[in-house]
N, C-alpha and C. Protein backbone atom coordinates (compact mmCIF):
# COMPACT_ATOMS: atom_id res chain seq x y z
N MET A 1 -35.94 -5.11 -43.67
CA MET A 1 -36.00 -5.52 -42.32
C MET A 1 -34.95 -6.61 -42.02
N LYS A 2 -34.71 -7.48 -43.09
CA LYS A 2 -33.71 -8.51 -42.93
C LYS A 2 -32.34 -7.84 -42.65
N TYR A 3 -32.02 -6.80 -43.37
CA TYR A 3 -30.74 -6.14 -43.27
C TYR A 3 -30.58 -5.46 -41.89
N PHE A 4 -31.70 -4.93 -41.38
CA PHE A 4 -31.69 -4.30 -40.06
C PHE A 4 -31.37 -5.28 -38.97
N LYS A 5 -32.01 -6.46 -39.01
CA LYS A 5 -31.73 -7.50 -38.03
C LYS A 5 -30.27 -8.01 -38.13
N PHE A 6 -29.80 -8.15 -39.38
CA PHE A 6 -28.41 -8.54 -39.61
C PHE A 6 -27.40 -7.52 -39.05
N ILE A 7 -27.67 -6.28 -39.23
CA ILE A 7 -26.79 -5.21 -38.69
C ILE A 7 -26.84 -5.22 -37.21
N ILE A 8 -28.00 -5.39 -36.59
CA ILE A 8 -28.11 -5.44 -35.12
C ILE A 8 -27.35 -6.65 -34.62
N PHE A 9 -27.50 -7.80 -35.26
CA PHE A 9 -26.81 -9.04 -34.85
C PHE A 9 -25.30 -8.81 -34.90
N ILE A 10 -24.77 -8.24 -35.99
CA ILE A 10 -23.34 -8.00 -36.14
C ILE A 10 -22.88 -7.01 -35.05
N PHE A 11 -23.62 -6.02 -34.77
CA PHE A 11 -23.30 -5.03 -33.72
C PHE A 11 -23.21 -5.65 -32.34
N VAL A 12 -24.23 -6.52 -32.00
CA VAL A 12 -24.22 -7.18 -30.69
C VAL A 12 -23.05 -8.18 -30.62
N LEU A 13 -22.82 -8.90 -31.67
CA LEU A 13 -21.74 -9.87 -31.69
C LEU A 13 -20.36 -9.16 -31.54
N SER A 14 -20.16 -8.10 -32.25
CA SER A 14 -18.86 -7.37 -32.14
C SER A 14 -18.74 -6.76 -30.76
N THR A 15 -19.77 -6.31 -30.13
CA THR A 15 -19.73 -5.77 -28.77
C THR A 15 -19.31 -6.85 -27.76
N VAL A 16 -19.91 -8.04 -27.87
CA VAL A 16 -19.58 -9.14 -26.97
C VAL A 16 -18.13 -9.59 -27.14
N ILE A 17 -17.69 -9.68 -28.38
CA ILE A 17 -16.31 -10.13 -28.65
C ILE A 17 -15.31 -9.11 -28.17
N SER A 18 -15.60 -7.86 -28.30
CA SER A 18 -14.61 -6.81 -27.93
C SER A 18 -14.67 -6.43 -26.42
N CYS A 19 -15.43 -7.13 -25.65
CA CYS A 19 -15.54 -6.80 -24.24
C CYS A 19 -14.32 -7.24 -23.45
N GLY A 20 -13.23 -6.73 -23.78
CA GLY A 20 -12.01 -6.83 -22.97
C GLY A 20 -11.47 -8.19 -22.75
N GLY A 21 -10.23 -8.21 -22.28
CA GLY A 21 -9.60 -9.43 -21.91
C GLY A 21 -9.12 -9.36 -20.50
N ASP A 22 -8.14 -10.14 -20.19
CA ASP A 22 -7.64 -10.25 -18.82
C ASP A 22 -6.92 -8.96 -18.35
N ASN A 23 -6.51 -8.09 -19.29
CA ASN A 23 -5.77 -6.94 -18.81
C ASN A 23 -6.63 -5.66 -18.73
N ASP A 24 -7.96 -5.84 -18.71
CA ASP A 24 -8.79 -4.63 -18.58
C ASP A 24 -8.80 -4.09 -17.18
N ILE A 25 -8.69 -4.96 -16.21
CA ILE A 25 -8.66 -4.52 -14.83
C ILE A 25 -7.44 -5.02 -14.12
N CYS A 26 -7.09 -4.36 -13.07
CA CYS A 26 -5.83 -4.68 -12.37
C CYS A 26 -6.18 -5.39 -11.07
N ASP A 27 -6.51 -6.69 -11.18
CA ASP A 27 -6.91 -7.42 -9.91
C ASP A 27 -5.98 -8.53 -9.57
N ASN A 28 -4.86 -8.70 -10.25
CA ASN A 28 -3.94 -9.76 -9.98
C ASN A 28 -2.77 -9.35 -9.05
N GLY A 29 -2.97 -8.27 -8.29
CA GLY A 29 -1.90 -7.78 -7.43
C GLY A 29 -0.79 -7.11 -8.20
N GLU A 30 -1.10 -6.61 -9.40
CA GLU A 30 -0.11 -5.96 -10.22
C GLU A 30 -0.01 -4.50 -9.99
N GLY A 31 -0.84 -3.95 -9.13
CA GLY A 31 -0.82 -2.52 -8.87
C GLY A 31 0.30 -2.13 -7.93
N THR A 32 0.36 -0.85 -7.61
CA THR A 32 1.45 -0.34 -6.74
C THR A 32 1.35 -1.04 -5.40
N PRO A 33 2.41 -1.68 -4.88
CA PRO A 33 2.31 -2.41 -3.63
C PRO A 33 2.32 -1.46 -2.44
N ARG A 34 1.76 -1.95 -1.32
CA ARG A 34 1.79 -1.23 -0.07
C ARG A 34 2.97 -1.77 0.76
N MET A 35 3.38 -1.00 1.77
CA MET A 35 4.44 -1.39 2.65
C MET A 35 3.87 -2.24 3.81
N LYS A 36 4.50 -3.36 4.09
CA LYS A 36 4.09 -4.24 5.17
C LYS A 36 4.87 -3.88 6.41
N ILE A 37 4.14 -3.67 7.51
CA ILE A 37 4.75 -3.38 8.80
C ILE A 37 4.33 -4.44 9.76
N THR A 38 5.30 -5.12 10.41
CA THR A 38 5.06 -6.15 11.37
C THR A 38 5.45 -5.62 12.76
N PHE A 39 4.70 -6.11 13.78
CA PHE A 39 4.93 -5.60 15.13
C PHE A 39 5.74 -6.61 15.95
N LYS A 40 6.64 -6.08 16.80
CA LYS A 40 7.46 -6.92 17.66
C LYS A 40 7.37 -6.40 19.10
N ARG A 41 7.51 -7.35 19.99
CA ARG A 41 7.67 -7.02 21.43
C ARG A 41 8.68 -8.01 21.96
N ASP A 42 9.74 -7.53 22.59
CA ASP A 42 10.82 -8.33 23.13
C ASP A 42 11.49 -9.16 21.99
N ASN A 43 11.69 -8.57 20.84
CA ASN A 43 12.33 -9.19 19.68
C ASN A 43 11.59 -10.39 19.12
N LYS A 44 10.28 -10.49 19.40
CA LYS A 44 9.44 -11.58 18.85
C LYS A 44 8.27 -10.93 18.20
N ILE A 45 7.82 -11.48 17.07
CA ILE A 45 6.64 -10.99 16.39
C ILE A 45 5.49 -11.19 17.34
N SER A 46 4.71 -10.11 17.53
CA SER A 46 3.62 -10.13 18.53
C SER A 46 2.42 -9.45 17.97
N VAL A 47 1.30 -9.75 18.62
CA VAL A 47 0.04 -9.15 18.30
C VAL A 47 -0.16 -7.91 19.20
N VAL A 48 -0.55 -6.76 18.60
CA VAL A 48 -0.85 -5.57 19.39
C VAL A 48 -2.33 -5.56 19.63
N ASP A 49 -2.70 -5.08 20.82
CA ASP A 49 -4.12 -5.01 21.19
C ASP A 49 -4.93 -4.02 20.27
N SER A 50 -4.35 -2.87 20.07
CA SER A 50 -4.96 -1.87 19.20
C SER A 50 -3.90 -0.93 18.69
N ILE A 51 -4.10 -0.51 17.45
CA ILE A 51 -3.15 0.43 16.81
C ILE A 51 -3.90 1.25 15.80
N LYS A 52 -3.53 2.50 15.70
CA LYS A 52 -4.14 3.38 14.70
C LYS A 52 -3.00 3.89 13.86
N ILE A 53 -3.18 3.84 12.59
CA ILE A 53 -2.14 4.28 11.65
C ILE A 53 -2.69 5.37 10.74
N TYR A 54 -1.93 6.43 10.58
CA TYR A 54 -2.21 7.56 9.66
C TYR A 54 -1.05 7.59 8.66
N ALA A 55 -1.32 8.01 7.44
CA ALA A 55 -0.30 8.21 6.47
C ALA A 55 -0.50 9.50 5.73
N ASP A 56 0.58 10.28 5.54
CA ASP A 56 0.48 11.52 4.78
C ASP A 56 0.82 11.16 3.35
N LEU A 57 -0.20 11.09 2.52
CA LEU A 57 -0.03 10.72 1.10
C LEU A 57 0.05 11.88 0.12
N GLY A 58 0.33 13.05 0.67
CA GLY A 58 0.50 14.23 -0.17
C GLY A 58 -0.74 15.09 -0.33
N SER A 59 -1.88 14.49 -0.31
CA SER A 59 -3.12 15.20 -0.46
C SER A 59 -3.81 15.40 0.92
N GLY A 60 -3.03 15.17 1.95
CA GLY A 60 -3.55 15.24 3.29
C GLY A 60 -3.24 13.95 4.04
N ILE A 61 -3.55 13.98 5.33
CA ILE A 61 -3.30 12.79 6.12
C ILE A 61 -4.48 11.86 6.04
N ILE A 62 -4.20 10.60 5.64
CA ILE A 62 -5.23 9.60 5.45
C ILE A 62 -5.29 8.72 6.74
N ASP A 63 -6.43 8.57 7.33
CA ASP A 63 -6.62 7.77 8.52
C ASP A 63 -6.94 6.34 8.09
N LEU A 64 -6.07 5.41 8.38
CA LEU A 64 -6.29 4.02 8.05
C LEU A 64 -7.10 3.27 9.07
N GLY A 65 -7.46 3.95 10.16
CA GLY A 65 -8.38 3.39 11.12
C GLY A 65 -7.69 2.59 12.23
N TRP A 66 -8.45 2.21 13.22
CA TRP A 66 -7.99 1.41 14.33
C TRP A 66 -7.96 -0.07 13.88
N LYS A 67 -6.89 -0.75 14.18
CA LYS A 67 -6.75 -2.20 13.96
C LYS A 67 -6.66 -2.83 15.31
N ILE A 68 -7.40 -3.89 15.52
CA ILE A 68 -7.43 -4.59 16.79
C ILE A 68 -6.93 -6.00 16.65
N LYS A 69 -6.04 -6.39 17.56
CA LYS A 69 -5.44 -7.75 17.63
C LYS A 69 -4.86 -8.13 16.28
N VAL A 70 -3.88 -7.36 15.81
CA VAL A 70 -3.16 -7.72 14.57
C VAL A 70 -1.67 -7.78 14.82
N ASP A 71 -0.98 -8.52 13.95
CA ASP A 71 0.48 -8.59 14.06
C ASP A 71 1.17 -7.84 12.91
N SER A 72 0.40 -7.37 11.94
CA SER A 72 0.99 -6.58 10.84
C SER A 72 -0.11 -5.79 10.16
N VAL A 73 0.30 -4.74 9.46
CA VAL A 73 -0.59 -3.89 8.73
C VAL A 73 0.06 -3.52 7.36
N PHE A 74 -0.74 -3.16 6.41
CA PHE A 74 -0.26 -2.69 5.11
C PHE A 74 -0.56 -1.19 5.01
N VAL A 75 0.47 -0.44 4.67
CA VAL A 75 0.35 1.01 4.58
C VAL A 75 0.69 1.48 3.18
N PRO A 76 -0.18 2.21 2.51
CA PRO A 76 0.15 2.70 1.16
C PRO A 76 1.22 3.81 1.28
N LEU A 77 2.01 3.93 0.29
CA LEU A 77 3.05 4.99 0.21
C LEU A 77 2.67 5.97 -0.90
N ARG A 78 3.28 7.14 -0.84
CA ARG A 78 2.96 8.16 -1.85
C ARG A 78 3.38 7.70 -3.26
N VAL A 79 2.56 8.08 -4.24
CA VAL A 79 2.85 7.69 -5.63
C VAL A 79 3.25 8.88 -6.44
N ASP A 80 3.37 10.03 -5.79
CA ASP A 80 3.88 11.22 -6.52
C ASP A 80 5.43 11.14 -6.52
N ASP A 81 6.06 12.21 -6.81
CA ASP A 81 7.53 12.24 -6.91
C ASP A 81 8.21 12.56 -5.55
N SER A 82 7.49 12.52 -4.47
CA SER A 82 8.07 12.77 -3.17
C SER A 82 8.97 11.62 -2.74
N PRO A 83 10.15 11.90 -2.14
CA PRO A 83 11.07 10.84 -1.73
C PRO A 83 10.79 10.24 -0.38
N PHE A 84 9.62 10.59 0.28
CA PHE A 84 9.30 10.06 1.56
C PHE A 84 7.80 10.08 1.79
N THR A 85 7.37 9.28 2.76
CA THR A 85 6.02 9.25 3.26
C THR A 85 6.09 9.28 4.79
N ASP A 86 5.30 10.17 5.42
CA ASP A 86 5.21 10.24 6.91
C ASP A 86 4.06 9.33 7.33
N VAL A 87 4.43 8.41 8.28
CA VAL A 87 3.46 7.50 8.86
C VAL A 87 3.36 7.83 10.35
N TYR A 88 2.14 7.88 10.84
CA TYR A 88 1.91 8.22 12.30
C TYR A 88 1.26 7.03 12.94
N VAL A 89 1.76 6.71 14.14
CA VAL A 89 1.31 5.51 14.89
C VAL A 89 0.80 5.90 16.27
N GLN A 90 -0.28 5.30 16.67
CA GLN A 90 -0.91 5.60 17.94
C GLN A 90 -1.44 4.28 18.51
N THR A 91 -1.16 3.98 19.77
CA THR A 91 -1.73 2.71 20.35
C THR A 91 -2.87 2.99 21.32
N THR A 92 -2.98 4.19 21.83
CA THR A 92 -4.11 4.54 22.67
C THR A 92 -4.58 5.92 22.29
N THR A 93 -5.82 6.27 22.64
CA THR A 93 -6.33 7.57 22.34
C THR A 93 -5.71 8.66 23.20
N GLU A 94 -5.10 8.27 24.32
CA GLU A 94 -4.49 9.27 25.24
C GLU A 94 -3.12 9.75 24.76
N GLU A 95 -2.38 8.92 23.99
CA GLU A 95 -1.02 9.32 23.61
C GLU A 95 -1.04 10.09 22.30
N ASP A 96 0.03 10.87 22.13
CA ASP A 96 0.19 11.59 20.87
C ASP A 96 0.77 10.62 19.85
N PRO A 97 0.41 10.81 18.55
CA PRO A 97 0.95 9.89 17.53
C PRO A 97 2.46 10.06 17.38
N THR A 98 3.15 8.94 17.14
CA THR A 98 4.54 8.89 16.89
C THR A 98 4.74 8.96 15.37
N LYS A 99 5.69 9.78 14.95
CA LYS A 99 5.91 9.97 13.50
C LYS A 99 7.12 9.12 13.08
N VAL A 100 6.92 8.36 11.96
CA VAL A 100 7.95 7.61 11.36
C VAL A 100 8.06 8.10 9.92
N ARG A 101 9.20 8.62 9.51
CA ARG A 101 9.43 9.07 8.15
C ARG A 101 10.06 7.94 7.35
N VAL A 102 9.36 7.48 6.34
CA VAL A 102 9.89 6.40 5.47
C VAL A 102 10.37 7.08 4.14
N SER A 103 11.64 6.93 3.94
CA SER A 103 12.26 7.52 2.70
C SER A 103 12.61 6.36 1.73
N TYR A 104 12.62 6.72 0.45
CA TYR A 104 12.82 5.69 -0.59
C TYR A 104 13.14 6.38 -1.91
N THR A 105 13.47 5.59 -2.91
CA THR A 105 13.52 6.05 -4.25
C THR A 105 12.50 5.23 -5.06
N THR A 106 11.88 5.85 -6.05
CA THR A 106 10.79 5.15 -6.75
C THR A 106 11.23 4.72 -8.15
N LYS A 107 10.62 3.73 -8.66
CA LYS A 107 10.87 3.22 -9.99
C LYS A 107 9.52 2.88 -10.62
N SER A 108 9.19 3.49 -11.74
CA SER A 108 7.91 3.23 -12.42
C SER A 108 8.08 2.10 -13.41
N ILE A 109 7.08 1.18 -13.43
CA ILE A 109 7.12 0.07 -14.33
C ILE A 109 5.73 -0.03 -15.03
N TYR A 110 5.78 -0.19 -16.34
CA TYR A 110 4.52 -0.39 -17.09
C TYR A 110 4.06 -1.84 -16.91
N VAL A 111 2.76 -2.01 -16.54
CA VAL A 111 2.21 -3.31 -16.30
C VAL A 111 1.33 -3.81 -17.42
N SER A 112 0.32 -3.05 -17.77
CA SER A 112 -0.61 -3.43 -18.81
C SER A 112 -1.50 -2.24 -19.16
N PRO A 113 -2.32 -2.36 -20.23
CA PRO A 113 -3.20 -1.22 -20.57
C PRO A 113 -4.23 -0.96 -19.45
N GLY A 114 -4.68 -2.01 -18.80
CA GLY A 114 -5.70 -1.89 -17.75
C GLY A 114 -5.11 -1.33 -16.46
N CYS A 115 -3.91 -1.81 -16.10
CA CYS A 115 -3.29 -1.36 -14.85
C CYS A 115 -2.47 -0.07 -15.03
N GLY A 116 -1.95 0.07 -16.20
CA GLY A 116 -1.09 1.28 -16.42
C GLY A 116 0.26 1.08 -15.83
N VAL A 117 0.70 2.06 -15.06
CA VAL A 117 2.08 2.08 -14.47
C VAL A 117 1.96 1.85 -12.99
N LYS A 118 2.83 1.01 -12.45
CA LYS A 118 2.89 0.83 -10.98
C LYS A 118 4.26 1.37 -10.50
N ARG A 119 4.33 1.71 -9.23
CA ARG A 119 5.55 2.17 -8.62
C ARG A 119 6.14 1.06 -7.75
N ASN A 120 7.42 0.87 -7.86
CA ASN A 120 8.16 0.01 -6.94
C ASN A 120 9.07 0.96 -6.16
N TYR A 121 9.33 0.59 -4.91
CA TYR A 121 10.12 1.43 -4.01
C TYR A 121 11.42 0.72 -3.70
N GLU A 122 12.52 1.48 -3.77
CA GLU A 122 13.86 0.93 -3.51
C GLU A 122 14.56 1.75 -2.41
N ASN A 123 15.54 1.17 -1.81
CA ASN A 123 16.34 1.85 -0.76
C ASN A 123 15.42 2.45 0.35
N VAL A 124 14.51 1.57 0.82
CA VAL A 124 13.56 2.00 1.85
C VAL A 124 14.29 2.12 3.18
N ASN A 125 14.20 3.28 3.82
CA ASN A 125 14.78 3.58 5.15
C ASN A 125 13.71 4.29 5.95
N SER A 126 13.89 4.25 7.30
CA SER A 126 12.97 4.91 8.14
C SER A 126 13.69 5.61 9.31
N VAL A 127 13.06 6.66 9.75
CA VAL A 127 13.56 7.44 10.91
C VAL A 127 12.38 7.67 11.86
N LEU A 128 12.62 7.26 13.13
CA LEU A 128 11.59 7.48 14.17
C LEU A 128 11.85 8.77 14.89
N SER A 129 10.83 9.63 15.01
CA SER A 129 10.99 10.85 15.77
C SER A 129 10.07 10.78 16.98
N ALA A 130 10.67 11.17 18.11
CA ALA A 130 9.93 11.23 19.41
C ALA A 130 9.27 9.91 19.75
N PRO A 131 10.01 8.88 20.13
CA PRO A 131 9.40 7.62 20.54
C PRO A 131 8.43 7.78 21.66
N ASN A 132 7.35 7.03 21.56
CA ASN A 132 6.28 7.01 22.57
C ASN A 132 6.16 5.58 23.01
N SER A 133 4.97 4.97 22.77
CA SER A 133 4.85 3.55 23.04
C SER A 133 5.57 2.73 21.99
N LEU A 134 5.78 3.35 20.83
CA LEU A 134 6.64 2.80 19.78
C LEU A 134 8.08 3.12 20.14
N LYS A 135 8.85 2.11 20.52
CA LYS A 135 10.20 2.33 21.03
C LYS A 135 11.29 2.48 19.93
N SER A 136 11.16 1.64 18.89
CA SER A 136 12.14 1.73 17.79
C SER A 136 11.57 1.09 16.54
N VAL A 137 12.25 1.37 15.42
CA VAL A 137 11.85 0.83 14.13
C VAL A 137 13.05 0.04 13.59
N GLU A 138 12.77 -1.17 13.15
CA GLU A 138 13.85 -2.02 12.62
C GLU A 138 13.60 -2.25 11.10
N GLN A 139 14.67 -2.24 10.36
CA GLN A 139 14.58 -2.38 8.90
C GLN A 139 14.33 -3.87 8.55
N GLY A 140 13.42 -4.06 7.58
CA GLY A 140 13.21 -5.39 7.01
C GLY A 140 13.77 -5.38 5.59
N GLN A 141 13.01 -5.92 4.64
CA GLN A 141 13.41 -5.86 3.26
C GLN A 141 13.46 -4.39 2.77
N ASN A 142 14.54 -3.95 2.11
CA ASN A 142 14.65 -2.57 1.80
C ASN A 142 14.10 -2.19 0.42
N PHE A 143 13.35 -3.01 -0.21
CA PHE A 143 12.66 -2.68 -1.45
C PHE A 143 11.26 -3.23 -1.40
N ILE A 144 10.40 -2.60 -2.12
CA ILE A 144 9.00 -3.03 -2.11
C ILE A 144 8.56 -3.19 -3.63
N GLU A 145 8.36 -4.46 -3.99
CA GLU A 145 7.85 -4.75 -5.31
C GLU A 145 6.59 -5.58 -5.29
N ASN A 146 6.32 -6.14 -4.13
CA ASN A 146 5.04 -6.82 -3.85
C ASN A 146 4.79 -6.78 -2.32
N GLU A 147 3.73 -7.39 -1.90
CA GLU A 147 3.34 -7.24 -0.50
C GLU A 147 3.66 -8.54 0.30
N ASP A 148 4.62 -9.33 -0.16
CA ASP A 148 4.93 -10.58 0.49
C ASP A 148 5.82 -10.41 1.74
N LYS A 149 6.83 -9.59 1.65
CA LYS A 149 7.85 -9.50 2.69
C LYS A 149 7.61 -8.29 3.59
N THR A 150 8.04 -8.39 4.83
CA THR A 150 7.95 -7.26 5.74
C THR A 150 9.07 -6.23 5.47
N ASN A 151 8.63 -4.98 5.46
CA ASN A 151 9.60 -3.92 5.10
C ASN A 151 10.08 -3.19 6.38
N LEU A 152 9.20 -3.06 7.40
CA LEU A 152 9.58 -2.45 8.68
C LEU A 152 9.03 -3.31 9.82
N PHE A 153 9.75 -3.28 10.90
CA PHE A 153 9.30 -3.90 12.14
C PHE A 153 9.18 -2.77 13.18
N PHE A 154 7.99 -2.66 13.79
CA PHE A 154 7.78 -1.64 14.84
C PHE A 154 7.97 -2.39 16.20
N ASN A 155 8.89 -1.90 17.00
CA ASN A 155 9.16 -2.52 18.31
C ASN A 155 8.45 -1.73 19.38
N PHE A 156 7.63 -2.44 20.15
CA PHE A 156 6.87 -1.82 21.23
C PHE A 156 7.44 -2.27 22.56
């Protein structure tokens, strides 16, 4: 019986000790970054009353929902080998969505055993098709390695 308790104690102790370290989960912002889009009106950063963003991430169009009274949004980009992501923008339910094609080159970087590999995006460019309430798109920082800087400005 003494040996059984000792074996159980060693098992529990080894389980507690081996319960991972800091790199078991990816919660320090080390994952694949999203693209930051800021809104402008009359060449000044401005708050939009409402905006709906969709993104085609390869497995279908993902609805990011309506955002109310915001000056910027974060949009995920495709993580497959596609060189572009289509983003759709709508400010009212009555208008048709405006398509913005965001093209880039990707670079994979190993982060940790818990996070695995993240994608960074370089040479980010955009093309606006059929302007609606979204009048133009302005280039910001042309690479995405974190979510600190604005990559695109949407002019309304």
